[in-house]
Amino acid sequence: MVNAPKFVDVKVGDALPPIKLPPVSRHQLALYCGGSGDHNPIHVDIDFAKKFGFKDVFAHGMLSMAFLGRLATSWVPQRQVRKLGTRFTSITWVGDVITIHGKVLAKREENGEKLVDVELYCTNQNGQNTLEGHATMALA
């Protein structure tokens, strides 16, 4: 169970505890194909990916988005997430080591809820952001 921070204790600029993931593997991509129903061969068939000019297969965008969701729900329980949005900025390649991290941008009260706006990022081992996002969470 996630032990969410209290609104009064959170400060603008606070960092969320980062999560370093294991390298993206072909096995993970195959499992994601099955779980998501997205069987596009560009994510699992290297010959197919190369035919379209890619060096290798790469992660589904929604898998990377799930990584950001994992960071949000490691900070607060899922029921407290009010919004999650993303913008894809680069390909996440098989073998990439992704670190997900975030920072508090703002605090506010709206419709009786104490809300925190957070920026979120997936960053590869080279320091390149592969996904940028934002989330709004309700805190007690």
N, C-alpha and C. Protein backbone atom coordinates (compact mmCIF):
# COMPACT_ATOMS: atom_id res chain seq x y z
N MET A 1 0.85 -1.18 0.00
CA MET A 1 0.00 0.00 0.00
C MET A 1 0.89 1.24 0.00
N VAL A 2 0.54 2.19 -0.83
CA VAL A 2 1.31 3.42 -0.96
C VAL A 2 0.98 4.34 0.22
N ASN A 3 2.02 4.92 0.80
CA ASN A 3 1.84 5.88 1.88
C ASN A 3 2.00 7.27 1.28
N ALA A 4 0.89 7.85 0.83
CA ALA A 4 0.92 9.13 0.11
C ALA A 4 1.37 10.27 1.02
N PRO A 5 2.09 11.23 0.45
CA PRO A 5 2.48 12.40 1.23
C PRO A 5 1.25 13.25 1.57
N LYS A 6 1.36 14.06 2.57
CA LYS A 6 0.30 15.00 2.95
C LYS A 6 0.49 16.31 2.20
N PHE A 7 -0.61 16.93 1.82
CA PHE A 7 -0.58 18.18 1.06
C PHE A 7 0.28 19.23 1.76
N VAL A 8 0.14 19.34 3.08
CA VAL A 8 0.86 20.35 3.85
C VAL A 8 2.38 20.13 3.81
N ASP A 9 2.80 18.87 3.62
CA ASP A 9 4.22 18.54 3.64
C ASP A 9 4.90 18.67 2.28
N VAL A 10 4.11 18.75 1.22
CA VAL A 10 4.67 18.80 -0.13
C VAL A 10 5.00 20.25 -0.50
N LYS A 11 6.16 20.42 -1.10
CA LYS A 11 6.60 21.76 -1.52
C LYS A 11 6.82 21.76 -3.03
N VAL A 12 6.53 22.92 -3.66
CA VAL A 12 6.83 23.07 -5.08
C VAL A 12 8.34 22.87 -5.25
N GLY A 13 8.71 22.07 -6.22
CA GLY A 13 10.12 21.74 -6.46
C GLY A 13 10.54 20.41 -5.88
N ASP A 14 9.73 19.83 -4.99
CA ASP A 14 10.05 18.52 -4.43
C ASP A 14 10.13 17.48 -5.55
N ALA A 15 11.10 16.59 -5.44
CA ALA A 15 11.24 15.50 -6.40
C ALA A 15 10.49 14.27 -5.90
N LEU A 16 9.84 13.57 -6.81
CA LEU A 16 9.28 12.26 -6.49
C LEU A 16 10.43 11.27 -6.47
N PRO A 17 10.35 10.26 -5.61
CA PRO A 17 11.43 9.27 -5.61
C PRO A 17 11.53 8.59 -6.98
N PRO A 18 12.68 8.67 -7.65
CA PRO A 18 12.80 8.08 -8.99
C PRO A 18 12.78 6.55 -8.93
N ILE A 19 12.43 5.95 -10.05
CA ILE A 19 12.44 4.49 -10.18
C ILE A 19 13.30 4.16 -11.39
N LYS A 20 14.36 3.37 -11.18
CA LYS A 20 15.20 2.91 -12.29
C LYS A 20 14.71 1.51 -12.67
N LEU A 21 14.33 1.37 -13.91
CA LEU A 21 13.79 0.11 -14.40
C LEU A 21 14.89 -0.75 -15.00
N PRO A 22 14.66 -2.06 -15.04
CA PRO A 22 15.64 -2.90 -15.75
C PRO A 22 15.61 -2.60 -17.24
N PRO A 23 16.64 -3.01 -17.99
CA PRO A 23 16.64 -2.75 -19.43
C PRO A 23 15.38 -3.30 -20.10
N VAL A 24 14.85 -2.54 -21.05
CA VAL A 24 13.69 -2.99 -21.82
C VAL A 24 14.14 -4.23 -22.60
N SER A 25 13.40 -5.31 -22.46
CA SER A 25 13.80 -6.56 -23.11
C SER A 25 12.81 -6.97 -24.20
N ARG A 26 13.27 -7.81 -25.08
CA ARG A 26 12.39 -8.37 -26.12
C ARG A 26 11.25 -9.16 -25.47
N HIS A 27 11.57 -9.84 -24.40
CA HIS A 27 10.55 -10.60 -23.68
C HIS A 27 9.46 -9.67 -23.14
N GLN A 28 9.87 -8.56 -22.55
CA GLN A 28 8.91 -7.58 -22.03
C GLN A 28 8.01 -7.06 -23.15
N LEU A 29 8.60 -6.78 -24.32
CA LEU A 29 7.81 -6.28 -25.44
C LEU A 29 6.82 -7.34 -25.93
N ALA A 30 7.25 -8.60 -25.97
CA ALA A 30 6.35 -9.68 -26.38
C ALA A 30 5.21 -9.84 -25.38
N LEU A 31 5.52 -9.78 -24.10
CA LEU A 31 4.46 -9.86 -23.09
C LEU A 31 3.50 -8.69 -23.20
N TYR A 32 4.04 -7.50 -23.47
CA TYR A 32 3.17 -6.33 -23.62
C TYR A 32 2.25 -6.50 -24.83
N CYS A 33 2.77 -7.06 -25.91
CA CYS A 33 1.92 -7.34 -27.09
C CYS A 33 0.71 -8.17 -26.68
N GLY A 34 0.97 -9.23 -25.95
CA GLY A 34 -0.12 -10.11 -25.52
C GLY A 34 -1.07 -9.44 -24.56
N GLY A 35 -0.54 -8.71 -23.61
CA GLY A 35 -1.38 -8.07 -22.61
C GLY A 35 -2.19 -6.91 -23.14
N SER A 36 -1.63 -6.18 -24.09
CA SER A 36 -2.31 -4.98 -24.61
C SER A 36 -3.15 -5.27 -25.84
N GLY A 37 -2.84 -6.36 -26.52
CA GLY A 37 -3.52 -6.64 -27.78
C GLY A 37 -2.90 -5.90 -28.95
N ASP A 38 -1.82 -5.17 -28.72
CA ASP A 38 -1.13 -4.44 -29.78
C ASP A 38 -0.02 -5.34 -30.33
N HIS A 39 -0.30 -6.03 -31.42
CA HIS A 39 0.63 -6.99 -31.99
C HIS A 39 1.38 -6.43 -33.20
N ASN A 40 1.57 -5.12 -33.24
CA ASN A 40 2.32 -4.52 -34.34
C ASN A 40 3.71 -5.14 -34.37
N PRO A 41 4.11 -5.76 -35.48
CA PRO A 41 5.41 -6.44 -35.53
C PRO A 41 6.61 -5.51 -35.37
N ILE A 42 6.42 -4.23 -35.50
CA ILE A 42 7.54 -3.29 -35.34
C ILE A 42 8.11 -3.33 -33.92
N HIS A 43 7.33 -3.89 -32.99
CA HIS A 43 7.77 -3.97 -31.60
C HIS A 43 8.42 -5.30 -31.23
N VAL A 44 8.33 -6.30 -32.12
CA VAL A 44 8.88 -7.61 -31.76
C VAL A 44 9.66 -8.30 -32.88
N ASP A 45 9.54 -7.84 -34.11
CA ASP A 45 10.17 -8.50 -35.25
C ASP A 45 11.26 -7.60 -35.82
N ILE A 46 12.52 -7.94 -35.52
CA ILE A 46 13.63 -7.08 -35.92
C ILE A 46 13.72 -6.93 -37.45
N ASP A 47 13.43 -7.99 -38.19
CA ASP A 47 13.48 -7.89 -39.65
C ASP A 47 12.42 -6.90 -40.15
N PHE A 48 11.26 -6.95 -39.57
CA PHE A 48 10.18 -6.02 -39.94
C PHE A 48 10.60 -4.58 -39.61
N ALA A 49 11.15 -4.37 -38.41
CA ALA A 49 11.58 -3.03 -38.01
C ALA A 49 12.66 -2.49 -38.94
N LYS A 50 13.61 -3.33 -39.30
CA LYS A 50 14.70 -2.89 -40.19
C LYS A 50 14.18 -2.57 -41.58
N LYS A 51 13.15 -3.29 -42.02
CA LYS A 51 12.56 -3.02 -43.34
C LYS A 51 12.02 -1.59 -43.43
N PHE A 52 11.67 -1.02 -42.28
CA PHE A 52 11.15 0.35 -42.24
C PHE A 52 12.20 1.36 -41.76
N GLY A 53 13.47 0.93 -41.75
CA GLY A 53 14.56 1.86 -41.47
C GLY A 53 14.95 1.99 -40.02
N PHE A 54 14.38 1.18 -39.15
CA PHE A 54 14.75 1.24 -37.73
C PHE A 54 15.91 0.30 -37.46
N LYS A 55 16.72 0.63 -36.46
CA LYS A 55 17.88 -0.20 -36.13
C LYS A 55 17.49 -1.48 -35.41
N ASP A 56 16.33 -1.46 -34.75
CA ASP A 56 15.88 -2.60 -33.96
C ASP A 56 14.41 -2.38 -33.63
N VAL A 57 13.84 -3.29 -32.88
CA VAL A 57 12.48 -3.10 -32.39
C VAL A 57 12.52 -2.08 -31.26
N PHE A 58 11.34 -1.55 -30.93
CA PHE A 58 11.28 -0.54 -29.87
C PHE A 58 9.98 -0.68 -29.09
N ALA A 59 9.97 -0.09 -27.93
CA ALA A 59 8.83 -0.22 -27.01
C ALA A 59 7.59 0.48 -27.55
N HIS A 60 6.47 -0.07 -27.20
CA HIS A 60 5.18 0.56 -27.48
C HIS A 60 5.12 1.88 -26.71
N GLY A 61 4.53 2.89 -27.31
CA GLY A 61 4.36 4.16 -26.61
C GLY A 61 3.55 4.00 -25.33
N MET A 62 2.54 3.15 -25.39
CA MET A 62 1.69 2.98 -24.21
C MET A 62 2.42 2.25 -23.08
N LEU A 63 3.45 1.47 -23.41
CA LEU A 63 4.26 0.86 -22.36
C LEU A 63 5.03 1.94 -21.61
N SER A 64 5.60 2.88 -22.35
CA SER A 64 6.30 3.99 -21.71
C SER A 64 5.33 4.83 -20.88
N MET A 65 4.13 5.02 -21.40
CA MET A 65 3.13 5.77 -20.63
C MET A 65 2.79 5.03 -19.33
N ALA A 66 2.76 3.71 -19.40
CA ALA A 66 2.52 2.92 -18.19
C ALA A 66 3.64 3.12 -17.16
N PHE A 67 4.87 3.32 -17.65
CA PHE A 67 5.97 3.60 -16.73
C PHE A 67 5.68 4.87 -15.92
N LEU A 68 5.19 5.93 -16.61
CA LEU A 68 4.86 7.17 -15.89
C LEU A 68 3.72 6.94 -14.91
N GLY A 69 2.75 6.15 -15.32
CA GLY A 69 1.66 5.81 -14.40
C GLY A 69 2.18 5.08 -13.17
N ARG A 70 3.18 4.24 -13.38
CA ARG A 70 3.79 3.52 -12.25
C ARG A 70 4.43 4.48 -11.26
N LEU A 71 5.10 5.51 -11.78
CA LEU A 71 5.70 6.49 -10.88
C LEU A 71 4.62 7.23 -10.10
N ALA A 72 3.57 7.66 -10.79
CA ALA A 72 2.48 8.38 -10.12
C ALA A 72 1.87 7.53 -9.02
N THR A 73 1.62 6.24 -9.31
CA THR A 73 0.97 5.39 -8.31
C THR A 73 1.94 4.81 -7.29
N SER A 74 3.23 5.08 -7.47
CA SER A 74 4.16 4.75 -6.39
C SER A 74 4.20 5.88 -5.36
N TRP A 75 3.70 7.04 -5.75
CA TRP A 75 3.69 8.22 -4.88
C TRP A 75 2.35 8.37 -4.17
N VAL A 76 1.26 8.10 -4.87
CA VAL A 76 -0.09 8.15 -4.29
C VAL A 76 -0.88 6.94 -4.77
N PRO A 77 -1.90 6.52 -4.02
CA PRO A 77 -2.75 5.43 -4.51
C PRO A 77 -3.46 5.85 -5.81
N GLN A 78 -3.74 4.87 -6.65
CA GLN A 78 -4.35 5.14 -7.95
C GLN A 78 -5.62 5.98 -7.83
N ARG A 79 -6.42 5.76 -6.81
CA ARG A 79 -7.68 6.49 -6.65
C ARG A 79 -7.47 8.00 -6.46
N GLN A 80 -6.23 8.42 -6.16
CA GLN A 80 -5.94 9.83 -5.95
C GLN A 80 -5.39 10.52 -7.20
N VAL A 81 -5.15 9.76 -8.26
CA VAL A 81 -4.68 10.35 -9.51
C VAL A 81 -5.89 10.92 -10.24
N ARG A 82 -5.86 12.21 -10.52
CA ARG A 82 -6.97 12.89 -11.19
C ARG A 82 -6.74 13.06 -12.69
N LYS A 83 -5.47 13.15 -13.08
CA LYS A 83 -5.15 13.36 -14.49
C LYS A 83 -3.75 12.85 -14.76
N LEU A 84 -3.56 12.27 -15.96
CA LEU A 84 -2.24 11.84 -16.40
C LEU A 84 -2.18 12.06 -17.89
N GLY A 85 -1.22 12.85 -18.34
CA GLY A 85 -1.05 13.12 -19.76
C GLY A 85 0.41 13.01 -20.14
N THR A 86 0.65 12.71 -21.41
CA THR A 86 2.03 12.53 -21.85
C THR A 86 2.25 13.10 -23.25
N ARG A 87 3.51 13.27 -23.56
CA ARG A 87 3.96 13.66 -24.90
C ARG A 87 5.19 12.83 -25.21
N PHE A 88 5.12 12.07 -26.31
CA PHE A 88 6.23 11.22 -26.71
C PHE A 88 7.31 12.08 -27.35
N THR A 89 8.55 11.92 -26.90
CA THR A 89 9.63 12.78 -27.39
C THR A 89 10.73 12.00 -28.09
N SER A 90 10.82 10.70 -27.85
CA SER A 90 11.87 9.90 -28.48
C SER A 90 11.50 8.42 -28.36
N ILE A 91 12.11 7.61 -29.17
CA ILE A 91 11.87 6.16 -29.14
C ILE A 91 12.58 5.54 -27.95
N THR A 92 11.90 4.60 -27.31
CA THR A 92 12.51 3.78 -26.27
C THR A 92 12.88 2.45 -26.92
N TRP A 93 14.18 2.24 -27.08
CA TRP A 93 14.69 1.06 -27.77
C TRP A 93 14.81 -0.13 -26.85
N VAL A 94 14.75 -1.31 -27.43
CA VAL A 94 15.04 -2.51 -26.65
C VAL A 94 16.46 -2.33 -26.09
N GLY A 95 16.66 -2.67 -24.84
CA GLY A 95 17.95 -2.50 -24.17
C GLY A 95 18.09 -1.19 -23.41
N ASP A 96 17.22 -0.22 -23.67
CA ASP A 96 17.30 1.04 -22.93
C ASP A 96 17.01 0.82 -21.45
N VAL A 97 17.75 1.52 -20.62
CA VAL A 97 17.50 1.52 -19.18
C VAL A 97 16.79 2.83 -18.88
N ILE A 98 15.54 2.72 -18.47
CA ILE A 98 14.70 3.89 -18.25
C ILE A 98 14.62 4.21 -16.76
N THR A 99 14.79 5.48 -16.45
CA THR A 99 14.53 5.98 -15.10
C THR A 99 13.34 6.90 -15.20
N ILE A 100 12.37 6.68 -14.33
CA ILE A 100 11.19 7.53 -14.30
C ILE A 100 11.30 8.45 -13.09
N HIS A 101 11.09 9.72 -13.34
CA HIS A 101 11.22 10.69 -12.26
C HIS A 101 10.23 11.83 -12.45
N GLY A 102 10.06 12.60 -11.40
CA GLY A 102 9.11 13.69 -11.47
C GLY A 102 9.41 14.76 -10.44
N LYS A 103 8.69 15.88 -10.60
CA LYS A 103 8.90 17.03 -9.71
C LYS A 103 7.57 17.76 -9.54
N VAL A 104 7.32 18.24 -8.33
CA VAL A 104 6.11 19.00 -8.04
C VAL A 104 6.22 20.38 -8.67
N LEU A 105 5.21 20.71 -9.49
CA LEU A 105 5.18 22.02 -10.15
C LEU A 105 4.31 23.03 -9.42
N ALA A 106 3.20 22.55 -8.85
CA ALA A 106 2.25 23.49 -8.24
C ALA A 106 1.37 22.78 -7.23
N LYS A 107 0.83 23.57 -6.32
CA LYS A 107 -0.16 23.10 -5.35
C LYS A 107 -1.36 24.04 -5.44
N ARG A 108 -2.55 23.46 -5.31
CA ARG A 108 -3.75 24.31 -5.37
C ARG A 108 -4.92 23.57 -4.76
N GLU A 109 -5.96 24.35 -4.48
CA GLU A 109 -7.22 23.77 -4.02
C GLU A 109 -8.27 24.07 -5.07
N GLU A 110 -9.07 23.04 -5.39
CA GLU A 110 -10.08 23.18 -6.42
C GLU A 110 -11.23 22.22 -6.11
N ASN A 111 -12.44 22.75 -6.12
CA ASN A 111 -13.64 21.94 -5.85
C ASN A 111 -13.51 21.12 -4.57
N GLY A 112 -12.92 21.71 -3.55
CA GLY A 112 -12.80 21.05 -2.25
C GLY A 112 -11.66 20.05 -2.15
N GLU A 113 -10.85 19.91 -3.20
CA GLU A 113 -9.73 18.98 -3.16
C GLU A 113 -8.41 19.73 -3.11
N LYS A 114 -7.45 19.15 -2.41
CA LYS A 114 -6.09 19.67 -2.37
C LYS A 114 -5.31 18.94 -3.45
N LEU A 115 -4.92 19.68 -4.49
CA LEU A 115 -4.31 19.08 -5.67
C LEU A 115 -2.84 19.47 -5.81
N VAL A 116 -2.08 18.54 -6.35
CA VAL A 116 -0.67 18.75 -6.64
C VAL A 116 -0.45 18.43 -8.12
N ASP A 117 0.15 19.36 -8.84
CA ASP A 117 0.50 19.15 -10.24
C ASP A 117 1.98 18.77 -10.32
N VAL A 118 2.25 17.71 -11.07
CA VAL A 118 3.59 17.14 -11.13
C VAL A 118 4.01 16.96 -12.58
N GLU A 119 5.28 17.27 -12.89
CA GLU A 119 5.83 16.92 -14.20
C GLU A 119 6.53 15.57 -14.04
N LEU A 120 6.43 14.75 -15.08
CA LEU A 120 6.98 13.40 -15.06
C LEU A 120 7.83 13.18 -16.31
N TYR A 121 8.85 12.34 -16.18
CA TYR A 121 9.74 12.06 -17.31
C TYR A 121 10.18 10.60 -17.30
N CYS A 122 10.31 10.03 -18.50
CA CYS A 122 11.07 8.79 -18.70
C CYS A 122 12.37 9.23 -19.35
N THR A 123 13.48 8.85 -18.77
CA THR A 123 14.79 9.24 -19.27
C THR A 123 15.62 7.98 -19.49
N ASN A 124 16.27 7.88 -20.65
CA ASN A 124 17.09 6.70 -20.90
C ASN A 124 18.49 6.85 -20.29
N GLN A 125 19.31 5.83 -20.46
CA GLN A 125 20.64 5.78 -19.86
C GLN A 125 21.56 6.87 -20.40
N ASN A 126 21.19 7.52 -21.51
CA ASN A 126 21.99 8.60 -22.07
C ASN A 126 21.52 9.98 -21.62
N GLY A 127 20.52 10.01 -20.73
CA GLY A 127 20.00 11.27 -20.24
C GLY A 127 18.97 11.91 -21.15
N GLN A 128 18.53 11.18 -22.16
CA GLN A 128 17.53 11.70 -23.11
C GLN A 128 16.13 11.36 -22.63
N ASN A 129 15.27 12.37 -22.60
CA ASN A 129 13.87 12.12 -22.27
C ASN A 129 13.19 11.41 -23.43
N THR A 130 12.55 10.31 -23.14
CA THR A 130 11.81 9.58 -24.16
C THR A 130 10.31 9.85 -24.05
N LEU A 131 9.90 10.33 -22.91
CA LEU A 131 8.49 10.63 -22.68
C LEU A 131 8.43 11.72 -21.61
N GLU A 132 7.61 12.72 -21.86
CA GLU A 132 7.39 13.78 -20.88
C GLU A 132 5.91 13.79 -20.56
N GLY A 133 5.60 14.04 -19.31
CA GLY A 133 4.20 14.03 -18.93
C GLY A 133 3.90 14.92 -17.76
N HIS A 134 2.66 14.89 -17.39
CA HIS A 134 2.19 15.65 -16.23
C HIS A 134 1.06 14.86 -15.58
N ALA A 135 0.91 15.10 -14.31
CA ALA A 135 -0.15 14.43 -13.55
C ALA A 135 -0.68 15.40 -12.51
N THR A 136 -1.92 15.18 -12.16
CA THR A 136 -2.54 15.89 -11.05
C THR A 136 -3.02 14.83 -10.06
N MET A 137 -2.65 15.04 -8.79
CA MET A 137 -3.02 14.11 -7.74
C MET A 137 -3.70 14.86 -6.59
N ALA A 138 -4.67 14.20 -5.99
CA ALA A 138 -5.34 14.76 -4.81
C ALA A 138 -4.63 14.21 -3.58
N LEU A 139 -4.33 15.11 -2.64
CA LEU A 139 -3.69 14.71 -1.38
C LEU A 139 -4.57 15.08 -0.20
N ALA A 140 -4.35 14.40 0.88
CA ALA A 140 -5.11 14.69 2.11
C ALA A 140 -4.45 15.85 2.85
